[in-house]
PDB file of all heavy atoms in Angstrom:
ATOM      1  N   ASP A   1      14.698  15.582  -1.198  1.00  0.00           N
ATOM      2  CA  ASP A   1      13.728  14.875  -2.032  1.00  0.00           C
ATOM      3  C   ASP A   1      13.333  13.644  -1.395  1.00  0.00           C
ATOM      4  O   ASP A   1      12.296  12.963  -1.750  1.00  0.00           O
ATOM      5  CB  ASP A   1      14.161  14.477  -3.382  1.00  0.00           C
ATOM      6  CG  ASP A   1      14.232  15.856  -4.305  1.00  0.00           C
ATOM      7  OD1 ASP A   1      13.444  16.750  -3.976  1.00  0.00           O
ATOM      8  OD2 ASP A   1      15.093  15.945  -5.182  1.00  0.00           O
ATOM      9  N   ARG A   2      14.172  13.035  -0.465  1.00  0.00           N
ATOM     10  CA  ARG A   2      13.902  11.657   0.153  1.00  0.00           C
ATOM     11  C   ARG A   2      12.566  11.679   0.874  1.00  0.00           C
ATOM     12  O   ARG A   2      11.790  10.662   0.558  1.00  0.00           O
ATOM     13  CB  ARG A   2      15.018  11.390   1.104  1.00  0.00           C
ATOM     14  CG  ARG A   2      15.084   9.938   1.482  1.00  0.00           C
ATOM     15  CD  ARG A   2      16.218   9.527   2.311  1.00  0.00           C
ATOM     16  NE  ARG A   2      16.286   8.032   2.631  1.00  0.00           N
ATOM     17  CZ  ARG A   2      15.604   7.558   3.526  1.00  0.00           C
ATOM     18  NH1 ARG A   2      14.904   8.161   4.360  1.00  0.00           N
ATOM     19  NH2 ARG A   2      15.744   6.172   3.638  1.00  0.00           N
ATOM     20  N   PRO A   3      12.235  12.599   1.789  1.00  0.00           N
ATOM     21  CA  PRO A   3      10.864  12.475   2.440  1.00  0.00           C
ATOM     22  C   PRO A   3       9.793  12.509   1.458  1.00  0.00           C
ATOM     23  O   PRO A   3       8.748  11.848   1.642  1.00  0.00           O
ATOM     24  CB  PRO A   3      10.902  13.681   3.362  1.00  0.00           C
ATOM     25  CG  PRO A   3      12.268  13.983   3.613  1.00  0.00           C
ATOM     26  CD  PRO A   3      12.999  13.666   2.291  1.00  0.00           C
ATOM     27  N   ARG A   4       9.886  13.368   0.410  1.00  0.00           N
ATOM     28  CA  ARG A   4       8.807  13.538  -0.565  1.00  0.00           C
ATOM     29  C   ARG A   4       8.632  12.328  -1.377  1.00  0.00           C
ATOM     30  O   ARG A   4       7.432  11.997  -1.642  1.00  0.00           O
ATOM     31  CB  ARG A   4       9.217  14.704  -1.497  1.00  0.00           C
ATOM     32  CG  ARG A   4       8.154  15.097  -2.546  1.00  0.00           C
ATOM     33  CD  ARG A   4       8.382  16.442  -3.000  1.00  0.00           C
ATOM     34  NE  ARG A   4       9.604  16.723  -3.651  1.00  0.00           N
ATOM     35  CZ  ARG A   4       9.729  16.816  -5.096  1.00  0.00           C
ATOM     36  NH1 ARG A   4       8.539  16.520  -5.791  1.00  0.00           N
ATOM     37  NH2 ARG A   4      10.744  16.861  -5.642  1.00  0.00           N
ATOM     38  N   ILE A   5       9.632  11.570  -1.780  1.00  0.00           N
ATOM     39  CA  ILE A   5       9.353  10.355  -2.616  1.00  0.00           C
ATOM     40  C   ILE A   5       8.782   9.298  -1.750  1.00  0.00           C
ATOM     41  O   ILE A   5       8.083   8.422  -2.143  1.00  0.00           O
ATOM     42  CB  ILE A   5      10.690   9.922  -3.268  1.00  0.00           C
ATOM     43  CG1 ILE A   5      10.319   8.985  -4.460  1.00  0.00           C
ATOM     44  CG2 ILE A   5      11.642   9.304  -2.410  1.00  0.00           C
ATOM     45  CD1 ILE A   5      11.401   8.630  -5.311  1.00  0.00           C
ATOM     46  N   ILE A   6       9.205   9.197  -0.331  1.00  0.00           N
ATOM     47  CA  ILE A   6       8.683   8.138   0.467  1.00  0.00           C
ATOM     48  C   ILE A   6       7.144   8.317   0.574  1.00  0.00           C
ATOM     49  O   ILE A   6       6.436   7.379   0.549  1.00  0.00           O
ATOM     50  CB  ILE A   6       9.289   8.238   1.821  1.00  0.00           C
ATOM     51  CG1 ILE A   6      10.846   7.770   1.716  1.00  0.00           C
ATOM     52  CG2 ILE A   6       8.585   7.342   2.848  1.00  0.00           C
ATOM     53  CD1 ILE A   6      11.620   7.871   2.975  1.00  0.00           C
ATOM     54  N   GLU A   7       6.691   9.601   0.822  1.00  0.00           N
ATOM     55  CA  GLU A   7       5.269   9.895   0.910  1.00  0.00           C
ATOM     56  C   GLU A   7       4.565   9.650  -0.428  1.00  0.00           C
ATOM     57  O   GLU A   7       3.495   9.130  -0.417  1.00  0.00           O
ATOM     58  CB  GLU A   7       5.077  11.256   1.458  1.00  0.00           C
ATOM     59  CG  GLU A   7       5.509  11.560   2.834  1.00  0.00           C
ATOM     60  CD  GLU A   7       4.821  10.537   3.751  1.00  0.00           C
ATOM     61  OE1 GLU A   7       3.643  10.299   3.774  1.00  0.00           O
ATOM     62  OE2 GLU A   7       5.601   9.950   4.598  1.00  0.00           O
ATOM     63  N   ALA A   8       5.293  10.005  -1.540  1.00  0.00           N
ATOM     64  CA  ALA A   8       4.698   9.792  -2.825  1.00  0.00           C
ATOM     65  C   ALA A   8       4.379   8.377  -3.162  1.00  0.00           C
ATOM     66  O   ALA A   8       3.329   7.983  -3.613  1.00  0.00           O
ATOM     67  CB  ALA A   8       5.370  10.532  -3.856  1.00  0.00           C
ATOM     68  N   VAL A   9       5.431   7.487  -2.799  1.00  0.00           N
ATOM     69  CA  VAL A   9       5.346   6.037  -3.040  1.00  0.00           C
ATOM     70  C   VAL A   9       4.174   5.528  -2.211  1.00  0.00           C
ATOM     71  O   VAL A   9       3.397   4.707  -2.690  1.00  0.00           O
ATOM     72  CB  VAL A   9       6.695   5.318  -2.734  1.00  0.00           C
ATOM     73  CG1 VAL A   9       6.470   3.908  -2.645  1.00  0.00           C
ATOM     74  CG2 VAL A   9       7.734   5.664  -3.753  1.00  0.00           C
ATOM     75  N   THR A  10       4.208   5.955  -0.941  1.00  0.00           N
ATOM     76  CA  THR A  10       3.093   5.388  -0.071  1.00  0.00           C
ATOM     77  C   THR A  10       1.701   5.787  -0.439  1.00  0.00           C
ATOM     78  O   THR A  10       0.809   4.981  -0.629  1.00  0.00           O
ATOM     79  CB  THR A  10       3.380   5.936   1.342  1.00  0.00           C
ATOM     80  OG1 THR A  10       4.677   5.592   1.908  1.00  0.00           O
ATOM     81  CG2 THR A  10       2.297   5.392   2.398  1.00  0.00           C
ATOM     82  N   GLU A  11       1.544   6.997  -0.908  1.00  0.00           N
ATOM     83  CA  GLU A  11       0.229   7.490  -1.318  1.00  0.00           C
ATOM     84  C   GLU A  11      -0.266   6.788  -2.610  1.00  0.00           C
ATOM     85  O   GLU A  11      -1.295   6.344  -2.729  1.00  0.00           O
ATOM     86  CB  GLU A  11       0.314   9.016  -1.596  1.00  0.00           C
ATOM     87  CG  GLU A  11      -0.994   9.632  -1.967  1.00  0.00           C
ATOM     88  CD  GLU A  11      -0.919  11.102  -2.241  1.00  0.00           C
ATOM     89  OE1 GLU A  11       0.153  11.733  -2.023  1.00  0.00           O
ATOM     90  OE2 GLU A  11      -1.980  11.691  -2.591  1.00  0.00           O
ATOM     91  N   ARG A  12       0.734   6.662  -3.478  1.00  0.00           N
ATOM     92  CA  ARG A  12       0.402   6.127  -4.836  1.00  0.00           C
ATOM     93  C   ARG A  12      -0.078   4.692  -4.632  1.00  0.00           C
ATOM     94  O   ARG A  12      -1.058   4.222  -5.353  1.00  0.00           O
ATOM     95  CB  ARG A  12       1.472   6.219  -5.769  1.00  0.00           C
ATOM     96  CG  ARG A  12       1.151   5.645  -7.234  1.00  0.00           C
ATOM     97  CD  ARG A  12       2.200   6.155  -8.285  1.00  0.00           C
ATOM     98  NE  ARG A  12       2.234   7.624  -8.499  1.00  0.00           N
ATOM     99  CZ  ARG A  12       2.894   8.223  -9.380  1.00  0.00           C
ATOM    100  NH1 ARG A  12       3.792   7.516 -10.151  1.00  0.00           N
ATOM    101  NH2 ARG A  12       2.918   9.487  -9.502  1.00  0.00           N
ATOM    102  N   ILE A  13       0.615   3.908  -3.842  1.00  0.00           N
ATOM    103  CA  ILE A  13       0.348   2.403  -3.681  1.00  0.00           C
ATOM    104  C   ILE A  13      -1.008   2.265  -2.960  1.00  0.00           C
ATOM    105  O   ILE A  13      -1.892   1.477  -3.258  1.00  0.00           O
ATOM    106  CB  ILE A  13       1.476   1.690  -3.045  1.00  0.00           C
ATOM    107  CG1 ILE A  13       2.623   1.690  -4.021  1.00  0.00           C
ATOM    108  CG2 ILE A  13       1.064   0.287  -2.610  1.00  0.00           C
ATOM    109  CD1 ILE A  13       3.950   0.993  -3.510  1.00  0.00           C
ATOM    110  N   VAL A  14      -1.157   3.052  -1.849  1.00  0.00           N
ATOM    111  CA  VAL A  14      -2.377   2.877  -1.021  1.00  0.00           C
ATOM    112  C   VAL A  14      -3.619   3.305  -1.821  1.00  0.00           C
ATOM    113  O   VAL A  14      -4.624   2.632  -1.721  1.00  0.00           O
ATOM    114  CB  VAL A  14      -2.225   3.692   0.314  1.00  0.00           C
ATOM    115  CG1 VAL A  14      -3.546   3.703   1.082  1.00  0.00           C
ATOM    116  CG2 VAL A  14      -1.062   3.071   1.202  1.00  0.00           C
ATOM    117  N   MET A  15      -3.508   4.343  -2.558  1.00  0.00           N
ATOM    118  CA  MET A  15      -4.657   4.831  -3.453  1.00  0.00           C
ATOM    119  C   MET A  15      -5.032   3.797  -4.349  1.00  0.00           C
ATOM    120  O   MET A  15      -6.260   3.697  -4.688  1.00  0.00           O
ATOM    121  CB  MET A  15      -4.263   6.129  -4.069  1.00  0.00           C
ATOM    122  CG  MET A  15      -4.303   7.376  -3.226  1.00  0.00           C
ATOM    123  SD  MET A  15      -3.919   8.953  -4.144  1.00  0.00           S
ATOM    124  CE  MET A  15      -5.298   8.940  -5.265  1.00  0.00           C
ATOM    125  N   ARG A  16      -4.095   2.965  -4.825  1.00  0.00           N
ATOM    126  CA  ARG A  16      -4.447   1.931  -5.854  1.00  0.00           C
ATOM    127  C   ARG A  16      -5.352   0.793  -5.091  1.00  0.00           C
ATOM    128  O   ARG A  16      -6.105   0.216  -5.846  1.00  0.00           O
ATOM    129  CB  ARG A  16      -3.091   1.237  -6.293  1.00  0.00           C
ATOM    130  CG  ARG A  16      -3.278   0.321  -7.550  1.00  0.00           C
ATOM    131  CD  ARG A  16      -1.906  -0.210  -7.897  1.00  0.00           C
ATOM    132  NE  ARG A  16      -0.921   0.920  -8.122  1.00  0.00           N
ATOM    133  CZ  ARG A  16       0.374   0.734  -8.028  1.00  0.00           C
ATOM    134  NH1 ARG A  16       0.894  -0.487  -7.661  1.00  0.00           N
ATOM    135  NH2 ARG A  16       1.207   1.706  -8.248  1.00  0.00           N
ATOM    136  N   TYR A  17      -5.145   0.611  -3.923  1.00  0.00           N
ATOM    137  CA  TYR A  17      -5.995  -0.388  -3.196  1.00  0.00           C
ATOM    138  C   TYR A  17      -7.267   0.160  -2.618  1.00  0.00           C
ATOM    139  O   TYR A  17      -8.110  -0.607  -2.231  1.00  0.00           O
ATOM    140  CB  TYR A  17      -5.051  -0.986  -2.129  1.00  0.00           C
ATOM    141  CG  TYR A  17      -4.031  -2.015  -2.583  1.00  0.00           C
ATOM    142  CD1 TYR A  17      -2.692  -1.601  -2.722  1.00  0.00           C
ATOM    143  CD2 TYR A  17      -4.446  -3.330  -2.949  1.00  0.00           C
ATOM    144  CE1 TYR A  17      -1.782  -2.555  -3.173  1.00  0.00           C
ATOM    145  CE2 TYR A  17      -3.490  -4.224  -3.498  1.00  0.00           C
ATOM    146  CZ  TYR A  17      -2.190  -3.839  -3.622  1.00  0.00           C
ATOM    147  OH  TYR A  17      -1.173  -4.677  -3.990  1.00  0.00           O
ATOM    148  N   GLU A  18      -7.337   1.526  -2.482  1.00  0.00           N
ATOM    149  CA  GLU A  18      -8.483   1.992  -1.776  1.00  0.00           C
ATOM    150  C   GLU A  18      -9.813   1.708  -2.379  1.00  0.00           C
ATOM    151  O   GLU A  18     -10.783   1.498  -1.670  1.00  0.00           O
ATOM    152  CB  GLU A  18      -8.315   3.573  -1.651  1.00  0.00           C
ATOM    153  CG  GLU A  18      -7.593   4.024  -0.490  1.00  0.00           C
ATOM    154  CD  GLU A  18      -7.576   5.566  -0.315  1.00  0.00           C
ATOM    155  OE1 GLU A  18      -7.599   6.110  -1.378  1.00  0.00           O
ATOM    156  OE2 GLU A  18      -7.733   6.079   0.903  1.00  0.00           O
ATOM    157  N   ALA A  19      -9.947   1.686  -3.666  1.00  0.00           N
ATOM    158  CA  ALA A  19     -11.069   1.444  -4.361  1.00  0.00           C
ATOM    159  C   ALA A  19     -11.611   0.011  -4.212  1.00  0.00           C
ATOM    160  O   ALA A  19     -12.801  -0.278  -4.559  1.00  0.00           O
ATOM    161  CB  ALA A  19     -10.930   1.770  -5.800  1.00  0.00           C
ATOM    162  N   GLU A  20     -10.739  -0.945  -3.823  1.00  0.00           N
ATOM    163  CA  GLU A  20     -11.113  -2.348  -3.661  1.00  0.00           C
ATOM    164  C   GLU A  20     -10.749  -2.860  -2.264  1.00  0.00           C
ATOM    165  O   GLU A  20      -9.556  -3.333  -2.031  1.00  0.00           O
ATOM    166  CB  GLU A  20     -10.352  -3.247  -4.691  1.00  0.00           C
ATOM    167  CG  GLU A  20     -10.696  -2.918  -6.087  1.00  0.00           C
ATOM    168  CD  GLU A  20      -9.892  -3.769  -7.078  1.00  0.00           C
ATOM    169  OE1 GLU A  20     -10.003  -4.985  -6.841  1.00  0.00           O
ATOM    170  OE2 GLU A  20      -9.318  -3.213  -8.020  1.00  0.00           O
ATOM    171  N   PRO A  21     -11.628  -2.601  -1.254  1.00  0.00           N
ATOM    172  CA  PRO A  21     -11.315  -3.009   0.159  1.00  0.00           C
ATOM    173  C   PRO A  21     -10.892  -4.439   0.344  1.00  0.00           C
ATOM    174  O   PRO A  21      -9.960  -4.739   1.063  1.00  0.00           O
ATOM    175  CB  PRO A  21     -12.654  -2.815   0.857  1.00  0.00           C
ATOM    176  CG  PRO A  21     -13.395  -1.816  -0.041  1.00  0.00           C
ATOM    177  CD  PRO A  21     -12.919  -2.069  -1.415  1.00  0.00           C
ATOM    178  N   GLN A  22     -11.449  -5.360  -0.423  1.00  0.00           N
ATOM    179  CA  GLN A  22     -11.049  -6.762  -0.297  1.00  0.00           C
ATOM    180  C   GLN A  22      -9.677  -6.983  -0.797  1.00  0.00           C
ATOM    181  O   GLN A  22      -8.847  -7.726  -0.166  1.00  0.00           O
ATOM    182  CB  GLN A  22     -11.915  -7.721  -1.136  1.00  0.00           C
ATOM    183  CG  GLN A  22     -13.340  -7.858  -0.573  1.00  0.00           C
ATOM    184  CD  GLN A  22     -14.185  -8.852  -1.319  1.00  0.00           C
ATOM    185  OE1 GLN A  22     -13.936  -9.150  -2.493  1.00  0.00           O
ATOM    186  NE2 GLN A  22     -15.178  -9.292  -0.705  1.00  0.00           N
ATOM    187  N   ALA A  23      -9.212  -6.283  -1.917  1.00  0.00           N
ATOM    188  CA  ALA A  23      -7.777  -6.415  -2.317  1.00  0.00           C
ATOM    189  C   ALA A  23      -6.812  -5.742  -1.384  1.00  0.00           C
ATOM    190  O   ALA A  23      -5.801  -6.276  -1.170  1.00  0.00           O
ATOM    191  CB  ALA A  23      -7.673  -5.690  -3.705  1.00  0.00           C
ATOM    192  N   LEU A  24      -7.299  -4.629  -0.822  1.00  0.00           N
ATOM    193  CA  LEU A  24      -6.387  -3.968   0.314  1.00  0.00           C
ATOM    194  C   LEU A  24      -6.162  -4.976   1.507  1.00  0.00           C
ATOM    195  O   LEU A  24      -5.138  -5.154   1.936  1.00  0.00           O
ATOM    196  CB  LEU A  24      -7.168  -2.762   0.711  1.00  0.00           C
ATOM    197  CG  LEU A  24      -6.333  -1.841   1.700  1.00  0.00           C
ATOM    198  CD1 LEU A  24      -6.783  -0.333   1.495  1.00  0.00           C
ATOM    199  CD2 LEU A  24      -6.451  -2.296   3.146  1.00  0.00           C
ATOM    200  N   GLU A  25      -7.297  -5.540   1.963  1.00  0.00           N
ATOM    201  CA  GLU A  25      -7.148  -6.504   3.117  1.00  0.00           C
ATOM    202  C   GLU A  25      -6.339  -7.655   2.697  1.00  0.00           C
ATOM    203  O   GLU A  25      -5.378  -8.094   3.567  1.00  0.00           O
ATOM    204  CB  GLU A  25      -8.585  -7.003   3.493  1.00  0.00           C
ATOM    205  CG  GLU A  25      -8.542  -7.972   4.698  1.00  0.00           C
ATOM    206  CD  GLU A  25      -9.972  -8.363   5.050  1.00  0.00           C
ATOM    207  OE1 GLU A  25     -10.889  -7.866   4.565  1.00  0.00           O
ATOM    208  OE2 GLU A  25     -10.078  -9.093   5.983  1.00  0.00           O
ATOM    209  N   GLN A  26      -6.482  -8.190   1.481  1.00  0.00           N
ATOM    210  CA  GLN A  26      -5.649  -9.335   1.123  1.00  0.00           C
ATOM    211  C   GLN A  26      -4.136  -9.011   0.928  1.00  0.00           C
ATOM    212  O   GLN A  26      -3.301  -9.784   1.382  1.00  0.00           O
ATOM    213  CB  GLN A  26      -6.143  -9.950  -0.223  1.00  0.00           C
ATOM    214  CG  GLN A  26      -5.365 -11.158  -0.694  1.00  0.00           C
ATOM    215  CD  GLN A  26      -5.948 -11.782  -1.916  1.00  0.00           C
ATOM    216  OE1 GLN A  26      -7.066 -11.474  -2.305  1.00  0.00           O
ATOM    217  NE2 GLN A  26      -5.208 -12.667  -2.547  1.00  0.00           N
ATOM    218  N   ALA A  27      -3.925  -7.777   0.430  1.00  0.00           N
ATOM    219  CA  ALA A  27      -2.468  -7.315   0.240  1.00  0.00           C
ATOM    220  C   ALA A  27      -1.788  -7.205   1.709  1.00  0.00           C
ATOM    221  O   ALA A  27      -0.643  -7.580   1.830  1.00  0.00           O
ATOM    222  CB  ALA A  27      -2.473  -6.039  -0.422  1.00  0.00           C
ATOM    223  N   LEU A  28      -2.593  -6.776   2.594  1.00  0.00           N
ATOM    224  CA  LEU A  28      -1.998  -6.478   3.942  1.00  0.00           C
ATOM    225  C   LEU A  28      -1.727  -7.917   4.653  1.00  0.00           C
ATOM    226  O   LEU A  28      -0.563  -8.134   5.059  1.00  0.00           O
ATOM    227  CB  LEU A  28      -3.037  -5.742   4.831  1.00  0.00           C
ATOM    228  CG  LEU A  28      -2.657  -5.550   6.285  1.00  0.00           C
ATOM    229  CD1 LEU A  28      -1.280  -4.795   6.391  1.00  0.00           C
ATOM    230  CD2 LEU A  28      -3.735  -4.865   7.117  1.00  0.00           C
ATOM    231  N   PHE A  29      -2.717  -8.793   4.586  1.00  0.00           N
ATOM    232  CA  PHE A  29      -2.445 -10.100   5.211  1.00  0.00           C
ATOM    233  C   PHE A  29      -1.422 -10.945   4.490  1.00  0.00           C
ATOM    234  O   PHE A  29      -0.585 -11.643   5.161  1.00  0.00           O
ATOM    235  CB  PHE A  29      -3.697 -10.865   5.331  1.00  0.00           C
ATOM    236  CG  PHE A  29      -4.681 -10.475   6.425  1.00  0.00           C
ATOM    237  CD1 PHE A  29      -5.752  -9.707   6.265  1.00  0.00           C
ATOM    238  CD2 PHE A  29      -4.256 -10.742   7.776  1.00  0.00           C
ATOM    239  CE1 PHE A  29      -6.530  -9.270   7.375  1.00  0.00           C
ATOM    240  CE2 PHE A  29      -5.048 -10.360   8.821  1.00  0.00           C
ATOM    241  CZ  PHE A  29      -6.237  -9.627   8.670  1.00  0.00           C
ATOM    242  N   ASP A  30      -1.436 -10.834   3.171  1.00  0.00           N
ATOM    243  CA  ASP A  30      -0.322 -11.562   2.383  1.00  0.00           C
ATOM    244  C   ASP A  30       0.995 -11.029   2.773  1.00  0.00           C
ATOM    245  O   ASP A  30       2.018 -11.867   2.868  1.00  0.00           O
ATOM    246  CB  ASP A  30      -0.544 -11.469   0.955  1.00  0.00           C
ATOM    247  CG  ASP A  30      -1.758 -12.340   0.409  1.00  0.00           C
ATOM    248  OD1 ASP A  30      -2.238 -13.078   1.159  1.00  0.00           O
ATOM    249  OD2 ASP A  30      -2.165 -12.130  -0.800  1.00  0.00           O
ATOM    250  N   THR A  31       1.131  -9.741   2.854  1.00  0.00           N
ATOM    251  CA  THR A  31       2.383  -9.175   3.226  1.00  0.00           C
ATOM    252  C   THR A  31       2.927  -9.511   4.580  1.00  0.00           C
ATOM    253  O   THR A  31       4.130  -9.921   4.788  1.00  0.00           O
ATOM    254  CB  THR A  31       2.437  -7.564   3.047  1.00  0.00           C
ATOM    255  OG1 THR A  31       1.927  -7.303   1.776  1.00  0.00           O
ATOM    256  CG2 THR A  31       3.718  -6.951   3.361  1.00  0.00           C
ATOM    257  N   LEU A  32       1.983  -9.516   5.673  1.00  0.00           N
ATOM    258  CA  LEU A  32       2.343  -9.863   6.876  1.00  0.00           C
ATOM    259  C   LEU A  32       2.732 -11.372   6.988  1.00  0.00           C
ATOM    260  O   LEU A  32       3.717 -11.727   7.685  1.00  0.00           O
ATOM    261  CB  LEU A  32       1.137  -9.597   7.812  1.00  0.00           C
ATOM    262  CG  LEU A  32       0.783  -8.162   8.100  1.00  0.00           C
ATOM    263  CD1 LEU A  32      -0.440  -8.034   8.943  1.00  0.00           C
ATOM    264  CD2 LEU A  32       2.009  -7.340   8.759  1.00  0.00           C
ATOM    265  N   TYR A  33       2.089 -12.132   6.239  1.00  0.00           N
ATOM    266  CA  TYR A  33       2.401 -13.596   6.152  1.00  0.00           C
ATOM    267  C   TYR A  33       3.851 -13.847   5.602  1.00  0.00           C
ATOM    268  O   TYR A  33       4.651 -14.567   6.236  1.00  0.00           O
ATOM    269  CB  TYR A  33       1.414 -14.361   5.442  1.00  0.00           C
ATOM    270  CG  TYR A  33       1.812 -15.793   5.071  1.00  0.00           C
ATOM    271  CD1 TYR A  33       1.689 -16.781   6.082  1.00  0.00           C
ATOM    272  CD2 TYR A  33       2.373 -16.222   3.866  1.00  0.00           C
ATOM    273  CE1 TYR A  33       2.060 -18.106   5.918  1.00  0.00           C
ATOM    274  CE2 TYR A  33       2.602 -17.423   3.625  1.00  0.00           C
ATOM    275  CZ  TYR A  33       2.507 -18.458   4.634  1.00  0.00           C
ATOM    276  OH  TYR A  33       2.868 -19.799   4.290  1.00  0.00           O
ATOM    277  N   GLU A  34       4.147 -13.193   4.462  1.00  0.00           N
ATOM    278  CA  GLU A  34       5.486 -13.357   3.908  1.00  0.00           C
ATOM    279  C   GLU A  34       6.553 -12.832   4.738  1.00  0.00           C
ATOM    280  O   GLU A  34       7.607 -13.408   4.836  1.00  0.00           O
ATOM    281  CB  GLU A  34       5.478 -12.638   2.495  1.00  0.00           C
ATOM    282  CG  GLU A  34       4.598 -13.345   1.423  1.00  0.00           C
ATOM    283  CD  GLU A  34       5.140 -14.781   1.053  1.00  0.00           C
ATOM    284  OE1 GLU A  34       6.227 -15.098   1.389  1.00  0.00           O
ATOM    285  OE2 GLU A  34       4.382 -15.281   0.285  1.00  0.00           O
ATOM    286  N   GLU A  35       6.329 -11.642   5.285  1.00  0.00           N
ATOM    287  CA  GLU A  35       7.367 -11.070   6.296  1.00  0.00           C
ATOM    288  C   GLU A  35       7.608 -11.830   7.476  1.00  0.00           C
ATOM    289  O   GLU A  35       8.765 -11.897   7.949  1.00  0.00           O
ATOM    290  CB  GLU A  35       6.923  -9.626   6.555  1.00  0.00           C
ATOM    291  CG  GLU A  35       7.152  -8.559   5.531  1.00  0.00           C
ATOM    292  CD  GLU A  35       8.573  -8.357   5.225  1.00  0.00           C
ATOM    293  OE1 GLU A  35       9.330  -7.642   6.027  1.00  0.00           O
ATOM    294  OE2 GLU A  35       9.183  -9.079   4.324  1.00  0.00           O
TER     295      GLU A  35
END
């Protein structure tokens, strides 16, 4: 089940941002900055 849940987590979160390109871009840059 491990590969399946990794892909499901990835898909669910990315889909949440797809509808709002600006939110997606901000999430990416904020994450890179914090990391």
